[in-house]
Amino acid sequence: MTKTKFFSSLIGLTMLVVPWQKPAVAQVGICPAQLSEKISAITQRPEFRRSRWGVLVQTLGDRQTLYAEDAERFFIPASN
C-alpha cells in the first residue's frame, strides 16, 4: 500500500467521525448506530488486511463512548 492511500483512508476515517469545523447550517451526519458499519467499511479493506486498528469515538461534551474497537490496547510505534 502506498503512503498516499493510507493517509487518504486515515483522513477519510478522521473526517468520518470528527468534523473539522462546526457547520454553519445543520447537515446530515452519521448516526451513532451507523458508526460500526462505516468504520468497518474502511478498516476491513483488503489493503489493511495486515493492519491493527484502535478506534475510540466519544462525544466532545460528556465524553460518552459512541464506538470503541481495541481502544484500550497499546500500540508499538514504528518508523517507516
PDB file of N, CA and C in Angstrom:
ATOM      1  N   MET A   1       0.852  -1.168   0.000  1.00  0.00           N
ATOM      2  CA  MET A   1       0.000   0.000   0.000  1.00  0.00           C
ATOM      3  C   MET A   1       0.895   1.227   0.000  1.00  0.00           C
ATOM      4  N   THR A   2       0.501   2.199  -0.749  1.00  0.00           N
ATOM      5  CA  THR A   2       1.278   3.430  -0.796  1.00  0.00           C
ATOM      6  C   THR A   2       0.902   4.318   0.386  1.00  0.00           C
ATOM      7  N   LYS A   3       1.815   5.220   0.716  1.00  0.00           N
ATOM      8  CA  LYS A   3       1.537   6.148   1.821  1.00  0.00           C
ATOM      9  C   LYS A   3       0.342   7.026   1.500  1.00  0.00           C
ATOM     10  N   THR A   4       0.173   7.365   0.221  1.00  0.00           N
ATOM     11  CA  THR A   4      -0.951   8.222  -0.179  1.00  0.00           C
ATOM     12  C   THR A   4      -2.275   7.539   0.114  1.00  0.00           C
ATOM     13  N   LYS A   5      -2.396   6.247  -0.254  1.00  0.00           N
ATOM     14  CA  LYS A   5      -3.648   5.527   0.003  1.00  0.00           C
ATOM     15  C   LYS A   5      -3.907   5.421   1.499  1.00  0.00           C
ATOM     16  N   PHE A   6      -2.843   5.135   2.263  1.00  0.00           N
ATOM     17  CA  PHE A   6      -3.010   5.004   3.705  1.00  0.00           C
ATOM     18  C   PHE A   6      -3.508   6.311   4.311  1.00  0.00           C
ATOM     19  N   PHE A   7      -2.827   7.411   3.989  1.00  0.00           N
ATOM     20  CA  PHE A   7      -3.220   8.690   4.567  1.00  0.00           C
ATOM     21  C   PHE A   7      -4.577   9.151   4.060  1.00  0.00           C
ATOM     22  N   SER A   8      -4.928   8.821   2.828  1.00  0.00           N
ATOM     23  CA  SER A   8      -6.260   9.166   2.321  1.00  0.00           C
ATOM     24  C   SER A   8      -7.324   8.447   3.128  1.00  0.00           C
ATOM     25  N   SER A   9      -7.081   7.171   3.422  1.00  0.00           N
ATOM     26  CA  SER A   9      -8.043   6.408   4.210  1.00  0.00           C
ATOM     27  C   SER A   9      -8.082   6.896   5.640  1.00  0.00           C
ATOM     28  N   LEU A  10      -6.918   7.205   6.191  1.00  0.00           N
ATOM     29  CA  LEU A  10      -6.864   7.708   7.552  1.00  0.00           C
ATOM     30  C   LEU A  10      -7.588   9.045   7.654  1.00  0.00           C
ATOM     31  N   ILE A  11      -7.363   9.919   6.697  1.00  0.00           N
ATOM     32  CA  ILE A  11      -8.058  11.204   6.682  1.00  0.00           C
ATOM     33  C   ILE A  11      -9.547  10.986   6.486  1.00  0.00           C
ATOM     34  N   GLY A  12      -9.920  10.053   5.612  1.00  0.00           N
ATOM     35  CA  GLY A  12     -11.333   9.744   5.400  1.00  0.00           C
ATOM     36  C   GLY A  12     -11.982   9.271   6.677  1.00  0.00           C
ATOM     37  N   LEU A  13     -11.274   8.417   7.421  1.00  0.00           N
ATOM     38  CA  LEU A  13     -11.807   7.931   8.684  1.00  0.00           C
ATOM     39  C   LEU A  13     -11.913   9.070   9.684  1.00  0.00           C
ATOM     40  N   THR A  14     -10.912   9.926   9.738  1.00  0.00           N
ATOM     41  CA  THR A  14     -10.943  11.059  10.652  1.00  0.00           C
ATOM     42  C   THR A  14     -12.096  11.986  10.314  1.00  0.00           C
ATOM     43  N   MET A  15     -12.293  12.259   9.039  1.00  0.00           N
ATOM     44  CA  MET A  15     -13.374  13.149   8.627  1.00  0.00           C
ATOM     45  C   MET A  15     -14.729  12.501   8.864  1.00  0.00           C
ATOM     46  N   LEU A  16     -14.751  11.172   8.837  1.00  0.00           N
ATOM     47  CA  LEU A  16     -15.986  10.450   9.057  1.00  0.00           C
ATOM     48  C   LEU A  16     -16.511  10.692  10.469  1.00  0.00           C
ATOM     49  N   VAL A  17     -15.617  10.743  11.436  1.00  0.00           N
ATOM     50  CA  VAL A  17     -16.060  10.817  12.819  1.00  0.00           C
ATOM     51  C   VAL A  17     -15.740  12.131  13.523  1.00  0.00           C
ATOM     52  N   VAL A  18     -14.869  12.966  12.946  1.00  0.00           N
ATOM     53  CA  VAL A  18     -14.502  14.216  13.593  1.00  0.00           C
ATOM     54  C   VAL A  18     -14.645  15.356  12.592  1.00  0.00           C
ATOM     55  N   PRO A  19     -15.657  16.190  12.721  1.00  0.00           N
ATOM     56  CA  PRO A  19     -15.781  17.321  11.799  1.00  0.00           C
ATOM     57  C   PRO A  19     -14.665  18.331  12.061  1.00  0.00           C
ATOM     58  N   TRP A  20     -14.127  18.897  10.995  1.00  0.00           N
ATOM     59  CA  TRP A  20     -13.034  19.848  11.127  1.00  0.00           C
ATOM     60  C   TRP A  20     -13.514  21.173  11.700  1.00  0.00           C
ATOM     61  N   GLN A  21     -14.694  21.593  11.349  1.00  0.00           N
ATOM     62  CA  GLN A  21     -15.237  22.819  11.906  1.00  0.00           C
ATOM     63  C   GLN A  21     -16.742  22.680  12.014  1.00  0.00           C
ATOM     64  N   LYS A  22     -17.298  23.489  12.859  1.00  0.00           N
ATOM     65  CA  LYS A  22     -18.737  23.430  13.070  1.00  0.00           C
ATOM     66  C   LYS A  22     -19.451  23.941  11.820  1.00  0.00           C
ATOM     67  N   PRO A  23     -20.396  23.165  11.264  1.00  0.00           N
ATOM     68  CA  PRO A  23     -21.084  23.626  10.058  1.00  0.00           C
ATOM     69  C   PRO A  23     -21.995  24.814  10.357  1.00  0.00           C
ATOM     70  N   ALA A  24     -22.065  25.735   9.393  1.00  0.00           N
ATOM     71  CA  ALA A  24     -22.921  26.906   9.542  1.00  0.00           C
ATOM     72  C   ALA A  24     -24.390  26.518   9.465  1.00  0.00           C
ATOM     73  N   VAL A  25     -24.684  25.494   8.670  1.00  0.00           N
ATOM     74  CA  VAL A  25     -26.045  25.004   8.502  1.00  0.00           C
ATOM     75  C   VAL A  25     -26.056  23.544   8.934  1.00  0.00           C
ATOM     76  N   ALA A  26     -27.124  23.123   9.580  1.00  0.00           N
ATOM     77  CA  ALA A  26     -27.213  21.728  10.007  1.00  0.00           C
ATOM     78  C   ALA A  26     -27.093  20.803   8.800  1.00  0.00           C
ATOM     79  N   GLN A  27     -26.239  19.812   8.911  1.00  0.00           N
ATOM     80  CA  GLN A  27     -26.028  18.848   7.836  1.00  0.00           C
ATOM     81  C   GLN A  27     -26.355  17.456   8.352  1.00  0.00           C
ATOM     82  N   VAL A  28     -26.701  16.592   7.430  1.00  0.00           N
ATOM     83  CA  VAL A  28     -26.972  15.212   7.800  1.00  0.00           C
ATOM     84  C   VAL A  28     -25.641  14.532   8.056  1.00  0.00           C
ATOM     85  N   GLY A  29     -25.461  13.949   9.213  1.00  0.00           N
ATOM     86  CA  GLY A  29     -24.219  13.271   9.576  1.00  0.00           C
ATOM     87  C   GLY A  29     -24.449  11.776   9.686  1.00  0.00           C
ATOM     88  N   ILE A  30     -23.582  11.160  10.408  1.00  0.00           N
ATOM     89  CA  ILE A  30     -23.680   9.720  10.611  1.00  0.00           C
ATOM     90  C   ILE A  30     -24.310   9.477  11.976  1.00  0.00           C
ATOM     91  N   CYS A  31     -25.319   8.674  11.981  1.00  0.00           N
ATOM     92  CA  CYS A  31     -25.984   8.282  13.213  1.00  0.00           C
ATOM     93  C   CYS A  31     -25.033   7.376  14.008  1.00  0.00           C
ATOM     94  N   PRO A  32     -24.959   7.523  15.322  1.00  0.00           N
ATOM     95  CA  PRO A  32     -24.086   6.653  16.109  1.00  0.00           C
ATOM     96  C   PRO A  32     -24.329   5.159  15.855  1.00  0.00           C
ATOM     97  N   ALA A  33     -25.543   4.793  15.515  1.00  0.00           N
ATOM     98  CA  ALA A  33     -25.844   3.388  15.222  1.00  0.00           C
ATOM     99  C   ALA A  33     -25.155   2.923  13.941  1.00  0.00           C
ATOM    100  N   GLN A  34     -24.747   3.856  13.072  1.00  0.00           N
ATOM    101  CA  GLN A  34     -24.080   3.515  11.812  1.00  0.00           C
ATOM    102  C   GLN A  34     -22.563   3.527  11.915  1.00  0.00           C
ATOM    103  N   LEU A  35     -22.025   3.982  13.028  1.00  0.00           N
ATOM    104  CA  LEU A  35     -20.575   4.109  13.156  1.00  0.00           C
ATOM    105  C   LEU A  35     -19.850   2.785  12.919  1.00  0.00           C
ATOM    106  N   SER A  36     -20.314   1.727  13.529  1.00  0.00           N
ATOM    107  CA  SER A  36     -19.658   0.430  13.388  1.00  0.00           C
ATOM    108  C   SER A  36     -19.564   0.013  11.931  1.00  0.00           C
ATOM    109  N   GLU A  37     -20.660   0.133  11.226  1.00  0.00           N
ATOM    110  CA  GLU A  37     -20.710  -0.232   9.805  1.00  0.00           C
ATOM    111  C   GLU A  37     -19.769   0.639   8.966  1.00  0.00           C
ATOM    112  N   LYS A  38     -19.785   1.934   9.201  1.00  0.00           N
ATOM    113  CA  LYS A  38     -18.969   2.865   8.410  1.00  0.00           C
ATOM    114  C   LYS A  38     -17.476   2.693   8.693  1.00  0.00           C
ATOM    115  N   ILE A  39     -17.124   2.526   9.962  1.00  0.00           N
ATOM    116  CA  ILE A  39     -15.715   2.338  10.313  1.00  0.00           C
ATOM    117  C   ILE A  39     -15.216   1.000   9.798  1.00  0.00           C
ATOM    118  N   SER A  40     -16.015  -0.040   9.932  1.00  0.00           N
ATOM    119  CA  SER A  40     -15.627  -1.365   9.424  1.00  0.00           C
ATOM    120  C   SER A  40     -15.433  -1.360   7.912  1.00  0.00           C
ATOM    121  N   ALA A  41     -16.216  -0.564   7.211  1.00  0.00           N
ATOM    122  CA  ALA A  41     -16.068  -0.468   5.753  1.00  0.00           C
ATOM    123  C   ALA A  41     -14.676   0.036   5.386  1.00  0.00           C
ATOM    124  N   ILE A  42     -14.087   0.840   6.235  1.00  0.00           N
ATOM    125  CA  ILE A  42     -12.736   1.350   5.986  1.00  0.00           C
ATOM    126  C   ILE A  42     -11.685   0.370   6.498  1.00  0.00           C
ATOM    127  N   THR A  43     -11.819  -0.069   7.742  1.00  0.00           N
ATOM    128  CA  THR A  43     -10.780  -0.900   8.350  1.00  0.00           C
ATOM    129  C   THR A  43     -10.709  -2.308   7.772  1.00  0.00           C
ATOM    130  N   GLN A  44     -11.761  -2.779   7.145  1.00  0.00           N
ATOM    131  CA  GLN A  44     -11.772  -4.135   6.578  1.00  0.00           C
ATOM    132  C   GLN A  44     -11.368  -4.186   5.106  1.00  0.00           C
ATOM    133  N   ARG A  45     -10.894  -3.090   4.562  1.00  0.00           N
ATOM    134  CA  ARG A  45     -10.449  -3.082   3.164  1.00  0.00           C
ATOM    135  C   ARG A  45      -9.266  -4.028   2.996  1.00  0.00           C
ATOM    136  N   PRO A  46      -9.147  -4.643   1.820  1.00  0.00           N
ATOM    137  CA  PRO A  46      -8.051  -5.599   1.582  1.00  0.00           C
ATOM    138  C   PRO A  46      -6.660  -5.013   1.819  1.00  0.00           C
ATOM    139  N   GLU A  47      -6.449  -3.752   1.512  1.00  0.00           N
ATOM    140  CA  GLU A  47      -5.119  -3.166   1.686  1.00  0.00           C
ATOM    141  C   GLU A  47      -4.729  -3.018   3.161  1.00  0.00           C
ATOM    142  N   PHE A  48      -5.683  -3.178   4.070  1.00  0.00           N
ATOM    143  CA  PHE A  48      -5.403  -3.090   5.500  1.00  0.00           C
ATOM    144  C   PHE A  48      -5.420  -4.456   6.180  1.00  0.00           C
ATOM    145  N   ARG A  49      -5.366  -5.534   5.424  1.00  0.00           N
ATOM    146  CA  ARG A  49      -5.514  -6.875   5.992  1.00  0.00           C
ATOM    147  C   ARG A  49      -4.451  -7.204   7.034  1.00  0.00           C
ATOM    148  N   ARG A  50      -3.292  -6.574   6.971  1.00  0.00           N
ATOM    149  CA  ARG A  50      -2.231  -6.831   7.948  1.00  0.00           C
ATOM    150  C   ARG A  50      -2.110  -5.698   8.965  1.00  0.00           C
ATOM    151  N   SER A  51      -3.116  -4.867   9.036  1.00  0.00           N
ATOM    152  CA  SER A  51      -3.099  -3.713   9.944  1.00  0.00           C
ATOM    153  C   SER A  51      -3.866  -4.021  11.215  1.00  0.00           C
ATOM    154  N   ARG A  52      -3.546  -3.295  12.246  1.00  0.00           N
ATOM    155  CA  ARG A  52      -4.282  -3.399  13.509  1.00  0.00           C
ATOM    156  C   ARG A  52      -4.807  -2.012  13.838  1.00  0.00           C
ATOM    157  N   TRP A  53      -6.062  -1.934  14.156  1.00  0.00           N
ATOM    158  CA  TRP A  53      -6.715  -0.651  14.408  1.00  0.00           C
ATOM    159  C   TRP A  53      -7.113  -0.537  15.872  1.00  0.00           C
ATOM    160  N   GLY A  54      -7.012   0.658  16.382  1.00  0.00           N
ATOM    161  CA  GLY A  54      -7.552   1.003  17.682  1.00  0.00           C
ATOM    162  C   GLY A  54      -8.382   2.260  17.473  1.00  0.00           C
ATOM    163  N   VAL A  55      -9.659   2.172  17.746  1.00  0.00           N
ATOM    164  CA  VAL A  55     -10.561   3.296  17.459  1.00  0.00           C
ATOM    165  C   VAL A  55     -11.395   3.596  18.699  1.00  0.00           C
ATOM    166  N   LEU A  56     -11.484   4.880  19.020  1.00  0.00           N
ATOM    167  CA  LEU A  56     -12.351   5.331  20.106  1.00  0.00           C
ATOM    168  C   LEU A  56     -13.045   6.601  19.635  1.00  0.00           C
ATOM    169  N   VAL A  57     -14.354   6.574  19.622  1.00  0.00           N
ATOM    170  CA  VAL A  57     -15.145   7.746  19.226  1.00  0.00           C
ATOM    171  C   VAL A  57     -15.989   8.140  20.432  1.00  0.00           C
ATOM    172  N   GLN A  58     -15.784   9.380  20.884  1.00  0.00           N
ATOM    173  CA  GLN A  58     -16.521   9.891  22.031  1.00  0.00           C
ATOM    174  C   GLN A  58     -17.136  11.235  21.685  1.00  0.00           C
ATOM    175  N   THR A  59     -18.200  11.570  22.396  1.00  0.00           N
ATOM    176  CA  THR A  59     -18.777  12.902  22.240  1.00  0.00           C
ATOM    177  C   THR A  59     -17.838  13.905  22.906  1.00  0.00           C
ATOM    178  N   LEU A  60     -17.847  15.133  22.426  1.00  0.00           N
ATOM    179  CA  LEU A  60     -16.955  16.151  22.979  1.00  0.00           C
ATOM    180  C   LEU A  60     -17.404  16.630  24.349  1.00  0.00           C
ATOM    181  N   GLY A  61     -18.705  16.773  24.537  1.00  0.00           N
ATOM    182  CA  GLY A  61     -19.217  17.331  25.789  1.00  0.00           C
ATOM    183  C   GLY A  61     -19.046  16.414  26.982  1.00  0.00           C
ATOM    184  N   ASP A  62     -19.775  15.329  27.018  1.00  0.00           N
ATOM    185  CA  ASP A  62     -19.754  14.451  28.195  1.00  0.00           C
ATOM    186  C   ASP A  62     -18.870  13.216  28.007  1.00  0.00           C
ATOM    187  N   ARG A  63     -18.138  13.159  26.886  1.00  0.00           N
ATOM    188  CA  ARG A  63     -17.198  12.082  26.588  1.00  0.00           C
ATOM    189  C   ARG A  63     -17.854  10.698  26.619  1.00  0.00           C
ATOM    190  N   GLN A  64     -19.095  10.646  26.182  1.00  0.00           N
ATOM    191  CA  GLN A  64     -19.812   9.385  26.071  1.00  0.00           C
ATOM    192  C   GLN A  64     -19.208   8.593  24.908  1.00  0.00           C
ATOM    193  N   THR A  65     -18.905   7.322  25.135  1.00  0.00           N
ATOM    194  CA  THR A  65     -18.326   6.487  24.091  1.00  0.00           C
ATOM    195  C   THR A  65     -19.410   6.065  23.111  1.00  0.00           C
ATOM    196  N   LEU A  66     -19.196   6.399  21.843  1.00  0.00           N
ATOM    197  CA  LEU A  66     -20.130   6.023  20.784  1.00  0.00           C
ATOM    198  C   LEU A  66     -19.665   4.772  20.049  1.00  0.00           C
ATOM    199  N   TYR A  67     -18.348   4.575  19.996  1.00  0.00           N
ATOM    200  CA  TYR A  67     -17.782   3.411  19.314  1.00  0.00           C
ATOM    201  C   TYR A  67     -16.396   3.142  19.878  1.00  0.00           C
ATOM    202  N   ALA A  68     -16.089   1.884  20.125  1.00  0.00           N
ATOM    203  CA  ALA A  68     -14.753   1.504  20.590  1.00  0.00           C
ATOM    204  C   ALA A  68     -14.388   0.145  20.007  1.00  0.00           C
ATOM    205  N   GLU A  69     -13.188   0.072  19.470  1.00  0.00           N
ATOM    206  CA  GLU A  69     -12.649  -1.194  18.971  1.00  0.00           C
ATOM    207  C   GLU A  69     -11.166  -1.220  19.324  1.00  0.00           C
ATOM    208  N   ASP A  70     -10.787  -2.103  20.219  1.00  0.00           N
ATOM    209  CA  ASP A  70      -9.407  -2.203  20.704  1.00  0.00           C
ATOM    210  C   ASP A  70      -8.874  -0.861  21.180  1.00  0.00           C
ATOM    211  N   ALA A  71      -9.732  -0.055  21.754  1.00  0.00           N
ATOM    212  CA  ALA A  71      -9.354   1.288  22.192  1.00  0.00           C
ATOM    213  C   ALA A  71      -8.430   1.249  23.406  1.00  0.00           C
ATOM    214  N   GLU A  72      -8.485   0.178  24.170  1.00  0.00           N
ATOM    215  CA  GLU A  72      -7.688   0.087  25.389  1.00  0.00           C
ATOM    216  C   GLU A  72      -6.331  -0.578  25.167  1.00  0.00           C
ATOM    217  N   ARG A  73      -6.083  -1.077  23.962  1.00  0.00           N
ATOM    218  CA  ARG A  73      -4.824  -1.775  23.661  1.00  0.00           C
ATOM    219  C   ARG A  73      -3.719  -0.785  23.326  1.00  0.00           C
ATOM    220  N   PHE A  74      -2.513  -1.134  23.705  1.00  0.00           N
ATOM    221  CA  PHE A  74      -1.349  -0.302  23.404  1.00  0.00           C
ATOM    222  C   PHE A  74      -0.788  -0.693  22.047  1.00  0.00           C
ATOM    223  N   PHE A  75      -0.177   0.256  21.374  1.00  0.00           N
ATOM    224  CA  PHE A  75       0.436   0.041  20.072  1.00  0.00           C
ATOM    225  C   PHE A  75       1.939   0.292  20.177  1.00  0.00           C
ATOM    226  N   ILE A  76       2.697  -0.441  19.395  1.00  0.00           N
ATOM    227  CA  ILE A  76       4.135  -0.240  19.349  1.00  0.00           C
ATOM    228  C   ILE A  76       4.422   0.675  18.166  1.00  0.00           C
ATOM    229  N   PRO A  77       5.040   1.831  18.418  1.00  0.00           N
ATOM    230  CA  PRO A  77       5.324   2.748  17.303  1.00  0.00           C
ATOM    231  C   PRO A  77       6.327   2.137  16.326  1.00  0.00           C
ATOM    232  N   ALA A  78       6.160   2.483  15.084  1.00  0.00           N
ATOM    233  CA  ALA A  78       7.069   2.000  14.038  1.00  0.00           C
ATOM    234  C   ALA A  78       7.618   3.195  13.288  1.00  0.00           C
ATOM    235  N   SER A  79       8.794   3.014  12.737  1.00  0.00           N
ATOM    236  CA  SER A  79       9.364   4.078  11.896  1.00  0.00           C
ATOM    237  C   SER A  79       9.492   3.549  10.481  1.00  0.00           C
ATOM    238  N   ASN A  80       8.701   4.094   9.612  1.00  0.00           N
ATOM    239  CA  ASN A  80       8.720   3.643   8.217  1.00  0.00           C
ATOM    240  C   ASN A  80       9.292   4.716   7.348  1.00  0.00           C
TER     241      ASN A  80
END
